[in-house]
Amino acid sequence: MDTHAHAPLDAGVGVGHGLADVKSVRENTPPSSEEAEAAPAKGRKRESSAKKVAPPVADAPTSEEEWAYEVAHAEASTDLAPIVGRNLRRLRTQRGLSLERLAKASGVSRAMLGQIELGQSAPTINVIWKIARALGIPFSALISTTAQTGTRLMRSQQSKRLSSHDGKFVSRALFPFDEPRRVEFYELRLAAHATEEADAHPPGTMENLVVTSGTVEIDRGEEHHVLSAGDAILFEADVAHVYRNTSDVDAVMYLVMTYAETVG
């Protein structure tokens, strides 16, 4: 079993996360004063005197099209709009896409994309799906509240750690594992005279590793390499590979993993 802890850490938010906060542009807009005055006074009087009955709980939608028409309560209005707007602008600019190009790729109008980025419109689930597909990102990337473009401090005690069954191999994520990414950074610890076998990663995956303590042997297919403290190696990790600590002390390594496609 591959306990190689630097496999992609998929901690993304599921599709259903935050659905209660999503509403269409129409439901997100309070009635205008003209609309309110247009309502019959008599009807308003009957409404105020009518007995209030809790609305029935609807069954959960079973398809993407049904989710597109789900709306939140009016008081939940603006929480999601600025989050989606900030994430959309960041992810679009990172990919060098203009609003026009993204509009053509997603089928969402340029005007609507602009309104979403400005936080003026809260898109339906269907619209978010279209944008996510066009950008080639997980749905959760657009509604995540954890994405940051500034400084991100990750305390040691809060780090994501994974270990082998026998506890002789431990990896610590040194990156925000809850965001879409193509690059991951790990601290690896391998006990004295222990071996860690890693399965092949997706095609195009590269590992850039440096040893800071101990002596480590790395086998990649028919290749065999010996690294002492200070030595580094860069190799394609899309074939099975092995880490072996031949020293009497724990080996400490730092690994940069680069994927051909976005993960997480």
Protein backbone atom coordinates (compact mmCIF):
# COMPACT_ATOMS: atom_id res chain seq x y z
CA MET A 1 0.00 0.00 0.00
CA ASP A 2 1.31 3.42 -0.94
CA THR A 3 1.55 5.55 2.16
CA HIS A 4 3.41 8.18 0.22
CA ALA A 5 1.97 11.20 1.93
CA HIS A 6 2.69 13.65 -0.81
CA ALA A 7 -0.03 12.28 -3.03
CA PRO A 8 -2.56 15.03 -3.83
CA LEU A 9 -4.33 16.08 -0.64
CA ASP A 10 -7.92 16.41 -1.80
CA ALA A 11 -9.50 18.41 0.97
CA GLY A 12 -11.67 20.51 -1.30
CA VAL A 13 -15.23 21.50 -0.38
CA GLY A 14 -17.88 19.23 -1.82
CA VAL A 15 -20.35 20.39 -4.45
CA GLY A 16 -23.04 20.85 -1.88
CA HIS A 17 -21.02 23.19 0.36
CA GLY A 18 -22.53 26.60 0.75
CA LEU A 19 -25.60 25.86 -1.38
CA ALA A 20 -27.87 27.42 1.22
CA ASP A 21 -26.16 30.77 0.61
CA VAL A 22 -26.62 30.76 -3.15
CA LYS A 23 -29.43 32.67 -4.81
CA SER A 24 -30.23 33.98 -8.23
CA VAL A 25 -29.85 37.61 -9.21
CA ARG A 26 -33.63 38.08 -9.17
CA GLU A 27 -34.09 36.70 -5.66
CA ASN A 28 -31.04 38.63 -4.52
CA THR A 29 -32.74 41.94 -5.35
CA PRO A 30 -35.31 43.43 -2.94
CA PRO A 31 -38.56 44.71 -4.52
CA SER A 32 -38.42 48.29 -5.71
CA SER A 33 -40.60 51.00 -4.19
CA GLU A 34 -42.66 51.05 -7.41
CA GLU A 35 -43.29 47.31 -7.14
CA ALA A 36 -44.24 47.64 -3.51
CA GLU A 37 -46.71 50.46 -4.28
CA ALA A 38 -48.17 48.51 -7.16
CA ALA A 39 -49.27 45.70 -4.86
CA PRO A 40 -53.00 46.03 -3.95
CA ALA A 41 -53.48 47.55 -0.50
CA LYS A 42 -56.31 45.15 0.18
CA GLY A 43 -54.10 42.20 -0.60
CA ARG A 44 -51.44 43.48 1.77
CA LYS A 45 -54.00 43.76 4.54
CA ARG A 46 -55.12 40.17 4.08
CA GLU A 47 -51.52 39.03 4.07
CA SER A 48 -50.73 40.75 7.35
CA SER A 49 -53.77 39.20 9.05
CA ALA A 50 -53.30 35.72 7.66
CA LYS A 51 -51.97 33.03 9.92
CA LYS A 52 -48.30 32.37 9.22
CA VAL A 53 -47.59 28.78 8.25
CA ALA A 54 -44.08 27.38 7.94
CA PRO A 55 -43.33 26.44 4.31
CA PRO A 56 -42.91 22.72 3.62
CA VAL A 57 -39.36 21.41 3.37
CA ALA A 58 -38.59 20.55 -0.22
CA ASP A 59 -36.68 17.47 -1.23
CA ALA A 60 -33.07 18.06 -2.22
CA PRO A 61 -32.61 18.67 -5.97
CA THR A 62 -31.40 15.66 -7.86
CA SER A 63 -29.79 17.32 -10.86
CA GLU A 64 -27.63 20.27 -11.80
CA GLU A 65 -30.57 21.94 -13.55
CA GLU A 66 -32.69 21.78 -10.40
CA TRP A 67 -29.89 23.28 -8.31
CA ALA A 68 -29.81 26.20 -10.72
CA TYR A 69 -33.20 27.32 -9.47
CA GLU A 70 -32.56 26.82 -5.76
CA VAL A 71 -32.55 30.11 -3.88
CA ALA A 72 -31.66 31.11 -0.36
CA HIS A 73 -33.75 33.05 2.10
CA ALA A 74 -33.65 36.80 1.46
CA GLU A 75 -31.73 37.47 4.66
CA ALA A 76 -28.83 35.31 3.43
CA SER A 77 -28.34 37.68 0.54
CA THR A 78 -24.79 38.89 0.06
CA ASP A 79 -22.45 36.44 1.77
CA LEU A 80 -21.53 34.42 -1.30
CA ALA A 81 -21.45 37.14 -3.97
CA PRO A 82 -18.20 38.85 -2.90
CA ILE A 83 -16.50 35.49 -2.26
CA VAL A 84 -17.29 34.18 -5.74
CA GLY A 85 -16.36 37.55 -7.24
CA ARG A 86 -12.91 37.66 -5.63
CA ASN A 87 -12.16 34.03 -6.46
CA LEU A 88 -13.30 34.41 -10.06
CA ARG A 89 -11.18 37.50 -10.70
CA ARG A 90 -8.10 35.91 -9.12
CA LEU A 91 -8.42 32.60 -10.99
CA ARG A 92 -9.24 34.28 -14.31
CA THR A 93 -6.27 36.66 -14.16
CA GLN A 94 -3.93 33.87 -13.07
CA ARG A 95 -4.79 32.11 -16.32
CA GLY A 96 -4.40 35.25 -18.41
CA LEU A 97 -8.00 35.18 -19.59
CA SER A 98 -9.97 38.28 -20.53
CA LEU A 99 -13.65 38.51 -19.66
CA GLU A 100 -14.41 38.13 -23.36
CA ARG A 101 -12.44 34.88 -23.71
CA LEU A 102 -13.93 33.42 -20.55
CA ALA A 103 -17.41 34.37 -21.74
CA LYS A 104 -16.88 32.45 -24.99
CA ALA A 105 -15.45 29.42 -23.16
CA SER A 106 -18.14 29.26 -20.47
CA GLY A 107 -21.25 30.43 -22.26
CA VAL A 108 -21.80 33.05 -19.53
CA SER A 109 -22.13 36.58 -20.88
CA ARG A 110 -19.29 39.06 -20.45
CA ALA A 111 -21.64 41.44 -18.66
CA MET A 112 -22.66 38.78 -16.15
CA LEU A 113 -19.04 37.78 -15.50
CA GLY A 114 -18.19 41.41 -14.85
CA GLN A 115 -21.08 41.77 -12.40
CA ILE A 116 -20.04 38.60 -10.59
CA GLU A 117 -16.43 39.77 -10.24
CA LEU A 118 -17.64 43.06 -8.77
CA GLY A 119 -19.81 41.20 -6.29
CA GLN A 120 -22.94 42.77 -7.75
CA SER A 121 -24.55 39.46 -8.71
CA ALA A 122 -24.71 36.15 -6.86
CA PRO A 123 -24.65 33.51 -9.61
CA THR A 124 -26.77 30.39 -9.62
CA ILE A 125 -25.17 26.99 -9.14
CA ASN A 126 -25.57 26.33 -12.85
CA VAL A 127 -23.56 29.46 -13.72
CA ILE A 128 -20.82 28.57 -11.23
CA TRP A 129 -20.59 25.11 -12.80
CA LYS A 130 -20.17 26.61 -16.28
CA ILE A 131 -17.43 28.97 -15.11
CA ALA A 132 -15.59 26.22 -13.19
CA ARG A 133 -15.61 23.94 -16.23
CA ALA A 134 -14.31 26.69 -18.48
CA LEU A 135 -11.46 27.48 -16.05
CA GLY A 136 -10.68 23.79 -15.51
CA ILE A 137 -10.99 24.06 -11.74
CA PRO A 138 -13.02 22.30 -9.04
CA PHE A 139 -16.41 23.81 -8.23
CA SER A 140 -15.21 24.44 -4.67
CA ALA A 141 -12.45 26.79 -5.88
CA LEU A 142 -15.02 29.46 -6.70
CA ILE A 143 -16.91 29.31 -3.41
CA SER A 144 -13.96 28.71 -1.08
CA THR A 145 -13.42 31.28 1.65
CA THR A 146 -9.84 30.12 2.33
CA ALA A 147 -8.13 31.33 -0.83
CA GLN A 148 -5.74 34.19 -0.14
CA THR A 149 -3.49 36.26 -2.33
CA GLY A 150 -1.46 37.82 0.49
CA THR A 151 0.55 36.33 3.35
CA ARG A 152 -0.53 32.94 4.67
CA LEU A 153 1.02 31.81 7.96
CA MET A 154 0.85 28.07 8.69
CA ARG A 155 1.73 27.15 12.27
CA SER A 156 3.58 23.89 12.83
CA GLN A 157 0.91 22.49 15.15
CA GLN A 158 -1.76 23.15 12.52
CA SER A 159 0.08 21.41 9.69
CA LYS A 160 -1.42 18.52 7.76
CA ARG A 161 0.61 15.40 8.60
CA LEU A 162 0.34 11.93 7.11
CA SER A 163 2.31 8.88 8.15
CA SER A 164 2.82 5.27 7.15
CA HIS A 165 1.13 2.49 9.13
CA ASP A 166 4.29 1.76 11.12
CA GLY A 167 4.95 5.47 11.72
CA LYS A 168 8.43 5.33 10.18
CA PHE A 169 7.59 7.71 7.35
CA VAL A 170 5.93 11.07 8.03
CA SER A 171 5.20 13.95 5.68
CA ARG A 172 4.14 17.46 6.65
CA ALA A 173 2.43 19.73 4.15
CA LEU A 174 4.07 23.16 3.97
CA PHE A 175 1.42 24.64 1.70
CA PRO A 176 -2.32 25.44 1.91
CA PHE A 177 -3.66 22.00 1.01
CA ASP A 178 -7.26 23.25 0.87
CA GLU A 179 -6.76 25.25 -2.34
CA PRO A 180 -6.39 24.22 -6.00
CA ARG A 181 -2.70 23.96 -6.90
CA ARG A 182 -0.10 22.53 -9.24
CA VAL A 183 2.81 22.72 -6.82
CA GLU A 184 3.12 21.13 -3.35
CA PHE A 185 5.87 21.52 -0.75
CA TYR A 186 6.58 18.87 1.92
CA GLU A 187 8.88 18.07 4.80
CA LEU A 188 9.58 14.33 4.81
CA ARG A 189 10.98 12.28 7.69
CA LEU A 190 12.13 8.69 7.26
CA ALA A 191 13.25 6.66 10.28
CA ALA A 192 16.74 5.09 10.43
CA HIS A 193 17.02 2.05 8.13
CA ALA A 194 13.39 2.44 7.03
CA THR A 195 12.05 2.17 3.49
CA GLU A 196 9.14 3.97 1.87
CA GLU A 197 7.68 2.71 -1.42
CA ALA A 198 5.74 5.19 -3.53
CA ASP A 199 3.38 4.36 -6.38
CA ALA A 200 3.60 6.16 -9.70
CA HIS A 201 2.07 9.65 -9.70
CA PRO A 202 0.05 11.06 -12.63
CA PRO A 203 1.96 11.51 -15.91
CA GLY A 204 4.09 14.64 -15.97
CA THR A 205 4.57 14.80 -12.19
CA MET A 206 8.03 15.99 -11.13
CA GLU A 207 9.73 15.62 -7.75
CA ASN A 208 12.52 17.97 -6.65
CA LEU A 209 13.95 16.72 -3.38
CA VAL A 210 16.82 17.81 -1.12
CA VAL A 211 18.23 15.81 1.81
CA THR A 212 19.09 17.84 4.92
CA SER A 213 19.88 14.97 7.32
CA GLY A 214 20.88 11.32 6.93
CA THR A 215 21.72 9.33 3.81
CA VAL A 216 18.92 8.37 1.43
CA GLU A 217 18.87 5.96 -1.47
CA ILE A 218 16.30 6.62 -4.19
CA ASP A 219 15.31 3.95 -6.68
CA ARG A 220 13.30 4.99 -9.74
CA GLY A 221 12.64 2.04 -11.97
CA GLU A 222 16.10 0.75 -12.86
CA GLU A 223 17.80 3.93 -11.60
CA HIS A 224 19.61 4.00 -8.25
CA HIS A 225 20.83 7.19 -6.55
CA VAL A 226 22.50 7.85 -3.18
CA LEU A 227 22.00 11.27 -1.59
CA SER A 228 23.81 12.62 1.46
CA ALA A 229 22.94 15.74 3.43
CA GLY A 230 22.92 18.71 1.06
CA ASP A 231 22.38 16.64 -2.09
CA ALA A 232 19.33 17.29 -4.29
CA ILE A 233 17.60 15.40 -7.08
CA LEU A 234 14.97 16.18 -9.70
CA PHE A 235 13.13 13.30 -11.41
CA GLU A 236 9.90 12.35 -13.14
CA ALA A 237 7.71 10.63 -10.55
CA ASP A 238 5.24 8.98 -12.92
CA VAL A 239 6.80 5.57 -12.25
CA ALA A 240 7.05 3.68 -8.95
CA HIS A 241 9.94 4.87 -6.77
CA VAL A 242 11.50 3.99 -3.41
CA TYR A 243 13.10 6.00 -0.59
CA ARG A 244 15.51 4.11 1.66
CA ASN A 245 17.30 5.55 4.69
CA THR A 246 20.62 3.74 5.06
CA SER A 247 21.89 5.84 7.98
CA ASP A 248 21.57 5.38 11.76
CA VAL A 249 19.61 8.63 12.19
CA ASP A 250 16.28 9.85 10.90
CA ALA A 251 16.52 11.27 7.41
CA VAL A 252 14.95 14.66 6.80
CA MET A 253 14.08 15.75 3.27
CA TYR A 254 12.24 18.64 1.65
CA LEU A 255 10.23 17.92 -1.46
CA VAL A 256 8.67 20.15 -4.12
CA MET A 257 6.08 18.24 -6.15
CA THR A 258 4.92 19.72 -9.45
CA TYR A 259 1.88 18.33 -11.29
CA ALA A 260 1.08 18.67 -14.97
CA GLU A 261 -2.52 19.61 -14.09
CA THR A 262 -4.22 21.38 -11.21
CA VAL A 263 -5.15 19.18 -8.24
CA GLY A 264 -7.20 19.73 -5.11
